[in-house]
Every structure is written in C-alpha cells, then in structure tokens.
Amino acid sequence: TEPESGTPVDNHGKLTLKGTDIVDKNGDKYQLKGVSTHGIAWFPEHVNQDAFQSLRDDMGANLIRIAMYSGENNGYCTGGDQKQLKELVKTGVDAATNLGMYVIIDWHVLGDQNPQTYKEEAKAFFEEMSSLYKDYDNVIYEICNEPNGGTSWSTIKKYAEKIIKGIRTYDKKAVILVGTPNWSQDVDQAALSPVSKKYRKNVMYTLHFYAATHK
C-alpha cells in the first residue's frame, strides 16, 4: 500500500479497543509499530525529536516507548533524580506529539521484580502524568514492564487495579498496558482472570516473546 500522507495521529486519532483489536478514530483496526528507548536515566540524549523523526520517516515507526526504570541503579525509586526523569518523559511526549506519533509512558519494572514494591510511587507518577496528558490523543500508559522473580498474576492484578483507578481519575479513555508474570511471558494467566470489569475498558496485556525460551 502507498504510505499515508499526514502523521499517524492526524490520520488515526485517539485509539481504543474493540474486543481484542486496537481501532482508530474511524473504527478501523490499527497496528502500532515502534521502538523503545533504553533506560532514559542512562541514555537521555536519545530522547529527542530528531531521533524520533528518523524512526518515523526512515523506518515507518508510528510509536515511541519511553522506558523509565523504576528499580535499577539511578532508577526513579532507587536514587534517580525524579524531577529530571519526569522532565525527560515530558520531553519525549512533546517530541512524539510534535511528530504526530503515539507514545508509551513506561514504568519499567525489572530489577524490582514485583510492581507492588514501589506501588505508591507508581500511583503518584501515573496520576501526575494522566492529569497532564488527559486531553492528548496519542499517550498510552504502560504500568509495569516485566514483573518477574515469581511474582504472581494475582499480585500484579491487585497492583494494576490500583494504578488504573488512579489514571482513570484523570484520563478516562487512554489505552493502558499491563505486564504479565515471568517477564511478561505468561499472558494466558491474565486472559483467564482479567482485571475487574470496572477497570477493563481500553486495557491490554503484554506478551514479550523470547525465542530462546519460548521455542
């Protein structure tokens, strides 16, 4: 097909879920394709509009994911400069917005293993972000990157419902991504027991495919 003229967000607007599909403002199925930053605390220089534009124009990306580690060295909850990290997130959202790209604000759980470890910090962070971006059509919230270390789905689900409730206080419709156990490999557990119905609208669950272990 011919490339579209106009930016992704101009053409497709606010995304929602219809069943298991992402649909655009016209109700048509839409696929997000993009790239994640590495941890923004370590590589802040890559959070810039020129880099994002290259990904959009040269590689056809319509999405950027801004990875803010929560529990690593200089992570948001482990010694990082929270004010500076939030400014970097905002810089990334602004750059993506200027380019008409979709953008994921990612609370990058990894070394902390269990998202409950810093749930109060996460709740405050996402309430602040959702109050800032509630009127944006392109912002997606990823509330726990890769729960691991034996963290159960029931534990993640309790966390997710708390964070989703906080986001929905401000942003009623944005798509929210929820990580699943075992480094986001066990999406089947979420399928068997999704978040409660009052929190379910426009919520998706992540599956990370690892060729070496999934086979």
N, C-alpha and C. Protein backbone atom coordinates (compact mmCIF):
# COMPACT_ATOMS: atom_id res chain seq x y z
N THR A 1 0.85 -1.20 0.00
CA THR A 1 0.00 0.00 0.00
C THR A 1 0.88 1.25 0.00
N GLU A 2 0.33 2.30 -0.50
CA GLU A 2 1.04 3.58 -0.51
C GLU A 2 1.17 4.12 0.91
N PRO A 3 2.29 4.75 1.24
CA PRO A 3 2.39 5.40 2.56
C PRO A 3 1.33 6.49 2.70
N GLU A 4 0.84 6.64 3.90
CA GLU A 4 -0.16 7.68 4.15
C GLU A 4 0.50 9.05 4.16
N SER A 5 -0.21 10.03 3.65
CA SER A 5 0.24 11.41 3.87
C SER A 5 -0.33 11.86 5.20
N GLY A 6 0.35 12.77 5.86
CA GLY A 6 -0.10 13.17 7.19
C GLY A 6 0.50 12.26 8.24
N THR A 7 0.49 12.72 9.48
CA THR A 7 1.11 11.95 10.56
C THR A 7 0.18 10.83 11.03
N PRO A 8 0.73 9.84 11.73
CA PRO A 8 -0.12 8.76 12.25
C PRO A 8 -1.28 9.27 13.11
N VAL A 9 -1.00 10.20 14.02
CA VAL A 9 -2.06 10.66 14.93
C VAL A 9 -3.08 11.53 14.18
N ASP A 10 -2.60 12.34 13.23
CA ASP A 10 -3.54 13.11 12.41
C ASP A 10 -4.52 12.19 11.69
N ASN A 11 -4.00 11.10 11.17
CA ASN A 11 -4.82 10.21 10.36
C ASN A 11 -5.70 9.28 11.19
N HIS A 12 -5.22 8.91 12.37
CA HIS A 12 -5.91 7.83 13.11
C HIS A 12 -6.47 8.25 14.46
N GLY A 13 -6.02 9.38 14.99
CA GLY A 13 -6.63 9.93 16.19
C GLY A 13 -6.50 9.06 17.41
N LYS A 14 -7.43 9.24 18.33
CA LYS A 14 -7.39 8.51 19.60
C LYS A 14 -7.72 7.04 19.37
N LEU A 15 -6.91 6.17 19.92
CA LEU A 15 -7.10 4.73 19.76
C LEU A 15 -7.91 4.17 20.91
N THR A 16 -8.70 3.16 20.60
CA THR A 16 -9.47 2.46 21.62
C THR A 16 -9.40 0.96 21.32
N LEU A 17 -9.98 0.17 22.22
CA LEU A 17 -10.03 -1.27 21.99
C LEU A 17 -11.45 -1.68 21.63
N LYS A 18 -11.54 -2.58 20.67
CA LYS A 18 -12.81 -3.19 20.29
C LYS A 18 -12.58 -4.69 20.31
N GLY A 19 -13.09 -5.35 21.34
CA GLY A 19 -12.74 -6.75 21.54
C GLY A 19 -11.25 -6.84 21.83
N THR A 20 -10.54 -7.60 21.01
CA THR A 20 -9.09 -7.73 21.20
C THR A 20 -8.29 -6.91 20.19
N ASP A 21 -8.96 -6.03 19.47
CA ASP A 21 -8.29 -5.22 18.45
C ASP A 21 -8.15 -3.77 18.89
N ILE A 22 -7.00 -3.17 18.50
CA ILE A 22 -6.88 -1.71 18.57
C ILE A 22 -7.59 -1.15 17.35
N VAL A 23 -8.44 -0.17 17.56
CA VAL A 23 -9.10 0.51 16.44
C VAL A 23 -8.83 2.01 16.53
N ASP A 24 -8.86 2.65 15.37
CA ASP A 24 -8.59 4.08 15.32
C ASP A 24 -9.89 4.88 15.43
N LYS A 25 -9.80 6.18 15.20
CA LYS A 25 -10.96 7.05 15.37
C LYS A 25 -12.09 6.72 14.40
N ASN A 26 -11.75 6.01 13.31
CA ASN A 26 -12.76 5.61 12.33
C ASN A 26 -13.33 4.22 12.60
N GLY A 27 -12.83 3.59 13.67
CA GLY A 27 -13.28 2.24 13.98
C GLY A 27 -12.56 1.16 13.20
N ASP A 28 -11.48 1.54 12.47
CA ASP A 28 -10.72 0.57 11.69
C ASP A 28 -9.57 0.00 12.53
N LYS A 29 -9.26 -1.28 12.32
CA LYS A 29 -8.14 -1.90 13.02
C LYS A 29 -6.85 -1.14 12.70
N TYR A 30 -6.01 -1.01 13.72
CA TYR A 30 -4.77 -0.25 13.54
C TYR A 30 -3.65 -0.94 14.29
N GLN A 31 -2.49 -1.04 13.65
CA GLN A 31 -1.33 -1.69 14.27
C GLN A 31 -0.30 -0.65 14.66
N LEU A 32 0.09 -0.69 15.91
CA LEU A 32 1.18 0.15 16.40
C LEU A 32 2.51 -0.56 16.16
N LYS A 33 3.47 0.17 15.60
CA LYS A 33 4.79 -0.39 15.30
C LYS A 33 5.82 0.65 15.72
N GLY A 34 6.72 0.27 16.60
CA GLY A 34 7.66 1.29 17.05
C GLY A 34 8.85 0.73 17.77
N VAL A 35 9.50 1.63 18.48
CA VAL A 35 10.79 1.36 19.10
C VAL A 35 10.75 1.89 20.54
N SER A 36 11.42 1.16 21.43
CA SER A 36 11.57 1.64 22.81
C SER A 36 12.93 2.29 22.98
N THR A 37 12.98 3.32 23.81
CA THR A 37 14.27 3.82 24.28
C THR A 37 14.89 2.77 25.20
N HIS A 38 16.18 2.92 25.48
CA HIS A 38 16.75 2.21 26.63
C HIS A 38 16.40 3.08 27.85
N GLY A 39 16.91 2.73 29.01
CA GLY A 39 16.58 3.50 30.21
C GLY A 39 16.95 4.97 30.05
N ILE A 40 15.98 5.83 30.23
CA ILE A 40 16.23 7.26 29.98
C ILE A 40 17.18 7.88 30.99
N ALA A 41 17.34 7.26 32.16
CA ALA A 41 18.31 7.78 33.14
C ALA A 41 19.74 7.63 32.63
N TRP A 42 19.98 6.60 31.80
CA TRP A 42 21.33 6.30 31.34
C TRP A 42 21.60 6.88 29.95
N PHE A 43 20.57 6.98 29.14
CA PHE A 43 20.74 7.45 27.76
C PHE A 43 19.75 8.57 27.45
N PRO A 44 19.81 9.67 28.21
CA PRO A 44 18.84 10.75 28.00
C PRO A 44 18.99 11.42 26.63
N GLU A 45 20.19 11.32 26.05
CA GLU A 45 20.44 12.04 24.79
C GLU A 45 19.60 11.49 23.63
N HIS A 46 19.09 10.28 23.78
CA HIS A 46 18.29 9.69 22.70
C HIS A 46 16.82 10.10 22.76
N VAL A 47 16.44 10.79 23.82
CA VAL A 47 15.06 11.28 23.92
C VAL A 47 15.02 12.66 23.25
N ASN A 48 14.90 12.64 21.94
CA ASN A 48 14.88 13.91 21.22
C ASN A 48 14.11 13.77 19.92
N GLN A 49 13.64 14.89 19.41
CA GLN A 49 12.72 14.87 18.28
C GLN A 49 13.39 14.39 16.99
N ASP A 50 14.67 14.72 16.80
CA ASP A 50 15.35 14.27 15.59
C ASP A 50 15.44 12.75 15.52
N ALA A 51 15.74 12.14 16.65
CA ALA A 51 15.83 10.67 16.69
C ALA A 51 14.47 10.06 16.39
N PHE A 52 13.44 10.59 17.02
CA PHE A 52 12.09 10.05 16.82
C PHE A 52 11.64 10.25 15.37
N GLN A 53 12.00 11.41 14.79
CA GLN A 53 11.60 11.67 13.40
C GLN A 53 12.28 10.70 12.44
N SER A 54 13.54 10.37 12.72
CA SER A 54 14.23 9.39 11.89
C SER A 54 13.53 8.04 11.94
N LEU A 55 13.13 7.63 13.14
CA LEU A 55 12.41 6.37 13.28
C LEU A 55 11.08 6.40 12.52
N ARG A 56 10.41 7.54 12.57
CA ARG A 56 9.13 7.68 11.85
C ARG A 56 9.35 7.67 10.34
N ASP A 57 10.25 8.52 9.86
CA ASP A 57 10.37 8.75 8.42
C ASP A 57 11.21 7.70 7.71
N ASP A 58 12.25 7.20 8.39
CA ASP A 58 13.15 6.25 7.73
C ASP A 58 12.74 4.80 7.96
N MET A 59 12.05 4.53 9.06
CA MET A 59 11.72 3.15 9.40
C MET A 59 10.23 2.87 9.49
N GLY A 60 9.41 3.90 9.34
CA GLY A 60 7.96 3.68 9.36
C GLY A 60 7.37 3.47 10.74
N ALA A 61 8.08 3.88 11.78
CA ALA A 61 7.55 3.73 13.13
C ALA A 61 6.40 4.74 13.36
N ASN A 62 5.38 4.30 14.06
CA ASN A 62 4.31 5.22 14.44
C ASN A 62 4.22 5.38 15.96
N LEU A 63 5.16 4.76 16.68
CA LEU A 63 5.11 4.69 18.14
C LEU A 63 6.50 4.78 18.73
N ILE A 64 6.61 5.51 19.84
CA ILE A 64 7.82 5.53 20.66
C ILE A 64 7.44 5.11 22.08
N ARG A 65 8.28 4.31 22.69
CA ARG A 65 8.08 3.91 24.08
C ARG A 65 9.20 4.52 24.92
N ILE A 66 8.82 5.26 25.94
CA ILE A 66 9.79 5.93 26.81
C ILE A 66 9.95 5.08 28.06
N ALA A 67 11.11 4.44 28.17
CA ALA A 67 11.35 3.46 29.25
C ALA A 67 11.99 4.15 30.45
N MET A 68 11.23 4.29 31.51
CA MET A 68 11.76 4.86 32.75
C MET A 68 11.84 3.75 33.80
N TYR A 69 13.07 3.32 34.06
CA TYR A 69 13.26 2.22 35.02
C TYR A 69 12.89 2.68 36.43
N SER A 70 12.21 1.79 37.13
CA SER A 70 11.75 2.13 38.48
C SER A 70 12.71 1.66 39.57
N GLY A 71 13.39 0.51 39.35
CA GLY A 71 14.17 -0.06 40.44
C GLY A 71 15.62 -0.34 40.16
N GLU A 72 16.16 0.16 39.06
CA GLU A 72 17.58 -0.10 38.75
C GLU A 72 18.45 0.99 39.37
N ASN A 73 19.76 0.91 39.12
CA ASN A 73 20.69 1.95 39.54
C ASN A 73 20.28 3.28 38.92
N ASN A 74 20.05 4.28 39.77
CA ASN A 74 19.53 5.58 39.33
C ASN A 74 18.14 5.50 38.72
N GLY A 75 17.41 4.45 39.08
CA GLY A 75 16.00 4.36 38.69
C GLY A 75 15.16 5.37 39.45
N TYR A 76 13.92 5.50 39.05
CA TYR A 76 13.04 6.51 39.62
C TYR A 76 12.88 6.35 41.13
N CYS A 77 12.87 5.10 41.60
CA CYS A 77 12.67 4.85 43.04
C CYS A 77 13.94 4.42 43.75
N THR A 78 15.07 4.43 43.04
CA THR A 78 16.32 3.94 43.63
C THR A 78 17.45 4.91 43.35
N GLY A 79 17.24 6.16 43.75
CA GLY A 79 18.32 7.14 43.69
C GLY A 79 18.32 8.06 42.49
N GLY A 80 17.43 7.83 41.54
CA GLY A 80 17.37 8.71 40.38
C GLY A 80 16.78 10.07 40.74
N ASP A 81 17.09 11.07 39.92
CA ASP A 81 16.54 12.42 40.10
C ASP A 81 15.13 12.43 39.52
N GLN A 82 14.15 12.32 40.40
CA GLN A 82 12.77 12.16 39.94
C GLN A 82 12.29 13.34 39.11
N LYS A 83 12.67 14.53 39.52
CA LYS A 83 12.25 15.71 38.76
C LYS A 83 12.83 15.68 37.35
N GLN A 84 14.12 15.35 37.26
CA GLN A 84 14.78 15.30 35.95
C GLN A 84 14.20 14.19 35.09
N LEU A 85 13.92 13.04 35.68
CA LEU A 85 13.35 11.93 34.92
C LEU A 85 11.95 12.28 34.40
N LYS A 86 11.17 12.95 35.23
CA LYS A 86 9.84 13.38 34.75
C LYS A 86 9.97 14.38 33.61
N GLU A 87 10.95 15.27 33.69
CA GLU A 87 11.17 16.23 32.60
C GLU A 87 11.56 15.51 31.31
N LEU A 88 12.37 14.44 31.44
CA LEU A 88 12.74 13.66 30.26
C LEU A 88 11.52 12.98 29.64
N VAL A 89 10.67 12.43 30.49
CA VAL A 89 9.43 11.84 29.98
C VAL A 89 8.62 12.89 29.22
N LYS A 90 8.50 14.08 29.81
CA LYS A 90 7.73 15.14 29.15
C LYS A 90 8.38 15.56 27.83
N THR A 91 9.70 15.62 27.81
CA THR A 91 10.42 15.93 26.57
C THR A 91 10.08 14.91 25.49
N GLY A 92 10.06 13.64 25.89
CA GLY A 92 9.73 12.58 24.94
C GLY A 92 8.30 12.64 24.45
N VAL A 93 7.38 12.90 25.35
CA VAL A 93 5.97 13.02 24.95
C VAL A 93 5.78 14.21 24.02
N ASP A 94 6.42 15.32 24.34
CA ASP A 94 6.31 16.52 23.49
C ASP A 94 6.87 16.24 22.10
N ALA A 95 8.03 15.56 22.03
CA ALA A 95 8.64 15.27 20.73
C ALA A 95 7.73 14.37 19.90
N ALA A 96 7.22 13.32 20.52
CA ALA A 96 6.31 12.41 19.80
C ALA A 96 5.05 13.14 19.35
N THR A 97 4.53 13.98 20.22
CA THR A 97 3.30 14.71 19.89
C THR A 97 3.54 15.66 18.72
N ASN A 98 4.67 16.36 18.73
CA ASN A 98 5.00 17.26 17.63
C ASN A 98 5.09 16.53 16.30
N LEU A 99 5.49 15.26 16.35
CA LEU A 99 5.65 14.45 15.15
C LEU A 99 4.40 13.66 14.79
N GLY A 100 3.35 13.79 15.60
CA GLY A 100 2.13 13.04 15.34
C GLY A 100 2.30 11.55 15.53
N MET A 101 3.14 11.17 16.52
CA MET A 101 3.37 9.76 16.82
C MET A 101 2.68 9.39 18.13
N TYR A 102 2.37 8.13 18.27
CA TYR A 102 1.88 7.62 19.55
C TYR A 102 3.06 7.41 20.49
N VAL A 103 2.80 7.47 21.80
CA VAL A 103 3.89 7.39 22.76
C VAL A 103 3.44 6.63 24.00
N ILE A 104 4.27 5.68 24.42
CA ILE A 104 4.02 4.91 25.63
C ILE A 104 4.88 5.46 26.76
N ILE A 105 4.25 5.84 27.85
CA ILE A 105 4.97 6.18 29.08
C ILE A 105 5.10 4.88 29.89
N ASP A 106 6.33 4.39 29.99
CA ASP A 106 6.58 3.05 30.51
C ASP A 106 7.24 3.10 31.89
N TRP A 107 6.54 2.57 32.89
CA TRP A 107 7.10 2.35 34.23
C TRP A 107 7.81 1.01 34.17
N HIS A 108 9.15 1.06 34.07
CA HIS A 108 9.92 -0.09 33.60
C HIS A 108 10.38 -0.97 34.76
N VAL A 109 9.44 -1.76 35.28
CA VAL A 109 9.76 -2.75 36.31
C VAL A 109 10.72 -3.78 35.74
N LEU A 110 11.78 -4.08 36.47
CA LEU A 110 12.69 -5.16 36.07
C LEU A 110 13.40 -5.70 37.32
N GLY A 111 14.42 -4.98 37.78
CA GLY A 111 15.15 -5.43 38.97
C GLY A 111 14.29 -5.43 40.23
N ASP A 112 13.28 -4.58 40.26
CA ASP A 112 12.38 -4.57 41.42
C ASP A 112 11.44 -5.77 41.42
N GLN A 113 11.33 -6.47 40.29
CA GLN A 113 10.61 -7.75 40.16
C GLN A 113 9.11 -7.63 40.36
N ASN A 114 8.70 -7.18 41.53
CA ASN A 114 7.28 -7.10 41.89
C ASN A 114 6.83 -5.64 41.81
N PRO A 115 5.85 -5.33 40.98
CA PRO A 115 5.43 -3.92 40.86
C PRO A 115 4.86 -3.35 42.16
N GLN A 116 4.46 -4.22 43.07
CA GLN A 116 3.95 -3.74 44.36
C GLN A 116 5.05 -3.05 45.19
N THR A 117 6.32 -3.34 44.86
CA THR A 117 7.44 -2.81 45.65
C THR A 117 7.37 -1.29 45.74
N TYR A 118 7.06 -0.65 44.63
CA TYR A 118 7.01 0.83 44.58
C TYR A 118 5.64 1.31 44.11
N LYS A 119 4.59 0.63 44.59
CA LYS A 119 3.25 0.94 44.07
C LYS A 119 2.81 2.37 44.41
N GLU A 120 3.19 2.88 45.57
CA GLU A 120 2.76 4.23 45.92
C GLU A 120 3.44 5.27 45.02
N GLU A 121 4.72 5.04 44.74
CA GLU A 121 5.43 5.94 43.82
C GLU A 121 4.83 5.86 42.41
N ALA A 122 4.50 4.63 42.00
CA ALA A 122 3.89 4.45 40.67
C ALA A 122 2.53 5.14 40.60
N LYS A 123 1.75 5.01 41.65
CA LYS A 123 0.42 5.63 41.66
C LYS A 123 0.53 7.14 41.54
N ALA A 124 1.44 7.73 42.30
CA ALA A 124 1.62 9.19 42.24
C ALA A 124 2.13 9.62 40.87
N PHE A 125 3.07 8.85 40.31
CA PHE A 125 3.63 9.18 38.99
C PHE A 125 2.55 9.14 37.92
N PHE A 126 1.75 8.08 37.89
CA PHE A 126 0.75 7.96 36.83
C PHE A 126 -0.42 8.93 37.02
N GLU A 127 -0.72 9.27 38.25
CA GLU A 127 -1.75 10.30 38.46
C GLU A 127 -1.25 11.64 37.93
N GLU A 128 0.02 11.95 38.17
CA GLU A 128 0.58 13.21 37.65
C GLU A 128 0.60 13.20 36.12
N MET A 129 1.06 12.10 35.52
CA MET A 129 1.14 12.03 34.06
C MET A 129 -0.24 12.07 33.42
N SER A 130 -1.19 11.35 33.98
CA SER A 130 -2.53 11.31 33.38
C SER A 130 -3.25 12.64 33.55
N SER A 131 -2.94 13.37 34.61
CA SER A 131 -3.54 14.71 34.75
C SER A 131 -2.95 15.67 33.72
N LEU A 132 -1.67 15.47 33.38
CA LEU A 132 -1.03 16.30 32.35
C LEU A 132 -1.54 15.99 30.95
N TYR A 133 -1.75 14.70 30.66
CA TYR A 133 -1.97 14.27 29.28
C TYR A 133 -3.39 13.78 29.02
N LYS A 134 -4.31 14.10 29.90
CA LYS A 134 -5.67 13.61 29.76
C LYS A 134 -6.35 14.04 28.47
N ASP A 135 -5.94 15.16 27.90
CA ASP A 135 -6.56 15.65 26.67
C ASP A 135 -5.75 15.30 25.42
N TYR A 136 -4.70 14.51 25.57
CA TYR A 136 -3.89 14.10 24.43
C TYR A 136 -4.48 12.85 23.78
N ASP A 137 -4.39 12.76 22.47
CA ASP A 137 -4.92 11.59 21.76
C ASP A 137 -3.87 10.50 21.57
N ASN A 138 -2.61 10.77 21.90
CA ASN A 138 -1.54 9.85 21.50
C ASN A 138 -0.82 9.17 22.65
N VAL A 139 -1.23 9.41 23.90
CA VAL A 139 -0.48 8.89 25.05
C VAL A 139 -1.09 7.58 25.54
N ILE A 140 -0.21 6.59 25.74
CA ILE A 140 -0.55 5.27 26.25
C ILE A 140 0.27 5.05 27.52
N TYR A 141 -0.33 4.41 28.51
CA TYR A 141 0.36 4.20 29.79
C TYR A 141 0.70 2.72 29.95
N GLU A 142 1.98 2.42 30.19
CA GLU A 142 2.40 1.05 30.49
C GLU A 142 2.83 1.00 31.94
N ILE A 143 2.06 0.30 32.76
CA ILE A 143 2.15 0.50 34.21
C ILE A 143 3.10 -0.46 34.92
N CYS A 144 3.56 -1.53 34.24
CA CYS A 144 4.58 -2.40 34.85
C CYS A 144 5.20 -3.25 33.75
N ASN A 145 6.42 -2.92 33.41
CA ASN A 145 7.07 -3.53 32.25
C ASN A 145 7.18 -5.06 32.32
N GLU A 146 7.98 -5.60 33.19
CA GLU A 146 8.21 -7.05 33.19
C GLU A 146 8.27 -7.60 34.61
N PRO A 147 7.12 -7.80 35.23
CA PRO A 147 7.13 -8.45 36.54
C PRO A 147 7.85 -9.81 36.43
N ASN A 148 8.63 -10.14 37.45
CA ASN A 148 9.41 -11.38 37.39
C ASN A 148 9.71 -11.85 38.81
N GLY A 149 10.66 -12.77 38.95
CA GLY A 149 11.04 -13.26 40.27
C GLY A 149 9.94 -14.03 40.97
N GLY A 150 9.07 -14.66 40.19
CA GLY A 150 7.99 -15.44 40.79
C GLY A 150 6.77 -14.64 41.19
N THR A 151 6.72 -13.38 40.82
CA THR A 151 5.54 -12.56 41.15
C THR A 151 4.31 -13.13 40.46
N SER A 152 3.26 -13.34 41.24
CA SER A 152 2.05 -14.00 40.70
C SER A 152 1.17 -13.01 39.95
N TRP A 153 0.32 -13.55 39.07
CA TRP A 153 -0.62 -12.69 38.36
C TRP A 153 -1.59 -12.03 39.34
N SER A 154 -2.01 -12.72 40.38
CA SER A 154 -2.95 -12.11 41.33
C SER A 154 -2.33 -10.89 42.00
N THR A 155 -1.04 -10.94 42.27
CA THR A 155 -0.34 -9.78 42.86
C THR A 155 -0.26 -8.63 41.86
N ILE A 156 0.09 -8.95 40.62
CA ILE A 156 0.16 -7.93 39.58
C ILE A 156 -1.22 -7.31 39.36
N LYS A 157 -2.24 -8.14 39.35
CA LYS A 157 -3.61 -7.65 39.10
C LYS A 157 -4.05 -6.66 40.18
N LYS A 158 -3.73 -6.95 41.43
CA LYS A 158 -4.08 -6.01 42.50
C LYS A 158 -3.39 -4.67 42.29
N TYR A 159 -2.12 -4.72 41.93
CA TYR A 159 -1.36 -3.50 41.62
C TYR A 159 -2.01 -2.76 40.44
N ALA A 160 -2.29 -3.51 39.38
CA ALA A 160 -2.83 -2.89 38.17
C ALA A 160 -4.14 -2.16 38.46
N GLU A 161 -5.02 -2.78 39.23
CA GLU A 161 -6.31 -2.14 39.51
C GLU A 161 -6.13 -0.85 40.29
N LYS A 162 -5.17 -0.83 41.19
CA LYS A 162 -4.89 0.40 41.95
C LYS A 162 -4.38 1.51 41.03
N ILE A 163 -3.45 1.16 40.13
CA ILE A 163 -2.87 2.17 39.24
C ILE A 163 -3.88 2.63 38.19
N ILE A 164 -4.63 1.68 37.64
CA ILE A 164 -5.67 2.04 36.66
C ILE A 164 -6.69 2.98 37.28
N LYS A 165 -7.09 2.69 38.49
CA LYS A 165 -8.05 3.57 39.18
C LYS A 165 -7.49 4.99 39.27
N GLY A 166 -6.19 5.12 39.59
CA GLY A 166 -5.58 6.45 39.68
C GLY A 166 -5.55 7.16 38.33
N ILE A 167 -5.19 6.43 37.27
CA ILE A 167 -5.16 7.03 35.94
C ILE A 167 -6.55 7.48 35.52
N ARG A 168 -7.54 6.63 35.77
CA ARG A 168 -8.90 6.94 35.32
C ARG A 168 -9.53 8.10 36.09
N THR A 169 -8.94 8.48 37.20
CA THR A 169 -9.40 9.69 37.89
C THR A 169 -9.28 10.89 36.96
N TYR A 170 -8.27 10.85 36.08
CA TYR A 170 -7.99 11.99 35.20
C TYR A 170 -8.24 11.67 33.73
N ASP A 171 -7.72 10.55 33.28
CA ASP A 171 -7.79 10.19 31.86
C ASP A 171 -8.72 8.98 31.74
N LYS A 172 -9.91 9.23 31.23
CA LYS A 172 -10.96 8.20 31.24
C LYS A 172 -10.80 7.16 30.14
N LYS A 173 -10.06 7.49 29.08
CA LYS A 173 -10.13 6.64 27.88
C LYS A 173 -8.80 6.12 27.35
N ALA A 174 -7.68 6.65 27.81
CA ALA A 174 -6.40 6.23 27.21
C ALA A 174 -6.19 4.72 27.34
N VAL A 175 -5.48 4.16 26.37
CA VAL A 175 -5.11 2.75 26.44
C VAL A 175 -4.07 2.56 27.55
N ILE A 176 -4.25 1.50 28.33
CA ILE A 176 -3.34 1.16 29.43
C ILE A 176 -2.81 -0.25 29.19
N LEU A 177 -1.50 -0.43 29.32
CA LEU A 177 -0.86 -1.74 29.14
C LEU A 177 -0.45 -2.31 30.49
N VAL A 178 -0.78 -3.57 30.71
CA VAL A 178 -0.48 -4.24 31.98
C VAL A 178 0.48 -5.40 31.71
N GLY A 179 1.61 -5.41 32.41
CA GLY A 179 2.56 -6.50 32.28
C GLY A 179 2.02 -7.79 32.89
N THR A 180 2.60 -8.91 32.48
CA THR A 180 2.17 -10.23 32.95
C THR A 180 3.36 -10.96 33.57
N PRO A 181 3.11 -12.06 34.30
CA PRO A 181 4.20 -12.71 35.05
C PRO A 181 5.32 -13.24 34.15
N ASN A 182 6.47 -13.48 34.81
CA ASN A 182 7.59 -14.16 34.15
C ASN A 182 8.12 -13.32 32.99
N TRP A 183 8.46 -12.08 33.30
CA TRP A 183 8.96 -11.12 32.30
C TRP A 183 7.95 -10.91 31.16
N SER A 184 6.68 -10.83 31.52
CA SER A 184 5.60 -10.60 30.56
C SER A 184 5.50 -11.70 29.51
N GLN A 185 5.73 -12.93 29.95
CA GLN A 185 5.56 -14.08 29.05
C GLN A 185 4.22 -14.79 29.27
N ASP A 186 3.65 -14.68 30.47
CA ASP A 186 2.50 -15.53 30.82
C ASP A 186 1.17 -14.78 30.66
N VAL A 187 0.93 -14.35 29.42
CA VAL A 187 -0.29 -13.59 29.16
C VAL A 187 -1.54 -14.46 29.31
N ASP A 188 -1.37 -15.77 29.22
CA ASP A 188 -2.52 -16.68 29.39
C ASP A 188 -3.13 -16.56 30.78
N GLN A 189 -2.29 -16.25 31.79
CA GLN A 189 -2.83 -16.09 33.14
C GLN A 189 -3.74 -14.86 33.25
N ALA A 190 -3.34 -13.81 32.57
CA ALA A 190 -4.18 -12.61 32.55
C ALA A 190 -5.48 -12.87 31.79
N ALA A 191 -5.40 -13.65 30.72
CA ALA A 191 -6.59 -13.97 29.93
C ALA A 191 -7.61 -14.75 30.76
N LEU A 192 -7.11 -15.60 31.64
CA LEU A 192 -8.01 -16.41 32.48
C LEU A 192 -8.66 -15.60 33.59
N SER A 193 -8.01 -14.48 33.97
CA SER A 193 -8.51 -13.70 35.10
C SER A 193 -8.18 -12.22 34.90
N PRO A 194 -8.85 -11.57 33.94
CA PRO A 194 -8.53 -10.16 33.65
C PRO A 194 -8.88 -9.24 34.82
N VAL A 195 -8.40 -8.00 34.75
CA VAL A 195 -8.75 -7.04 35.80
C VAL A 195 -10.27 -6.91 35.87
N SER A 196 -10.75 -6.49 37.02
CA SER A 196 -12.19 -6.46 37.24
C SER A 196 -12.89 -5.55 36.22
N LYS A 197 -14.15 -5.82 35.99
CA LYS A 197 -14.88 -5.21 34.88
C LYS A 197 -14.85 -3.69 34.93
N LYS A 198 -14.89 -3.10 36.11
CA LYS A 198 -14.94 -1.63 36.19
C LYS A 198 -13.63 -0.99 35.75
N TYR A 199 -12.54 -1.77 35.67
CA TYR A 199 -11.25 -1.24 35.24
C TYR A 199 -10.84 -1.73 33.86
N ARG A 200 -11.70 -2.46 33.17
CA ARG A 200 -11.28 -3.22 32.00
C ARG A 200 -11.25 -2.41 30.70
N LYS A 201 -11.96 -1.32 30.63
CA LYS A 201 -12.08 -0.58 29.37
C LYS A 201 -10.71 -0.08 28.89
N ASN A 202 -10.40 -0.41 27.63
CA ASN A 202 -9.15 0.05 27.00
C ASN A 202 -7.90 -0.40 27.75
N VAL A 203 -7.97 -1.61 28.32
CA VAL A 203 -6.80 -2.21 28.98
C VAL A 203 -6.31 -3.38 28.14
N MET A 204 -5.00 -3.42 27.91
CA MET A 204 -4.35 -4.50 27.18
C MET A 204 -3.31 -5.17 28.08
N TYR A 205 -2.91 -6.38 27.70
CA TYR A 205 -1.92 -7.14 28.46
C TYR A 205 -0.72 -7.44 27.57
N THR A 206 0.47 -7.42 28.14
CA THR A 206 1.67 -7.54 27.31
C THR A 206 2.17 -8.98 27.24
N LEU A 207 2.64 -9.34 26.05
CA LEU A 207 3.34 -10.60 25.81
C LEU A 207 4.68 -10.26 25.18
N HIS A 208 5.76 -10.63 25.85
CA HIS A 208 7.11 -10.47 25.31
C HIS A 208 7.59 -11.84 24.85
N PHE A 209 7.94 -11.92 23.59
CA PHE A 209 8.35 -13.21 23.01
C PHE A 209 9.88 -13.33 23.07
N TYR A 210 10.35 -14.39 23.71
CA TYR A 210 11.77 -14.67 23.81
C TYR A 210 12.07 -15.98 23.10
N ALA A 211 12.74 -15.87 21.95
CA ALA A 211 12.95 -17.06 21.10
C ALA A 211 13.69 -18.17 21.82
N ALA A 212 14.65 -17.81 22.69
CA ALA A 212 15.48 -18.84 23.33
C ALA A 212 14.71 -19.68 24.34
N THR A 213 13.68 -19.11 24.95
CA THR A 213 12.93 -19.86 25.95
C THR A 213 11.54 -20.27 25.48
N HIS A 214 10.94 -19.51 24.60
CA HIS A 214 9.63 -19.88 24.10
C HIS A 214 9.69 -21.01 23.07
N LYS A 215 10.79 -21.06 22.33
CA LYS A 215 11.00 -22.06 21.25
C LYS A 215 9.98 -21.83 20.14
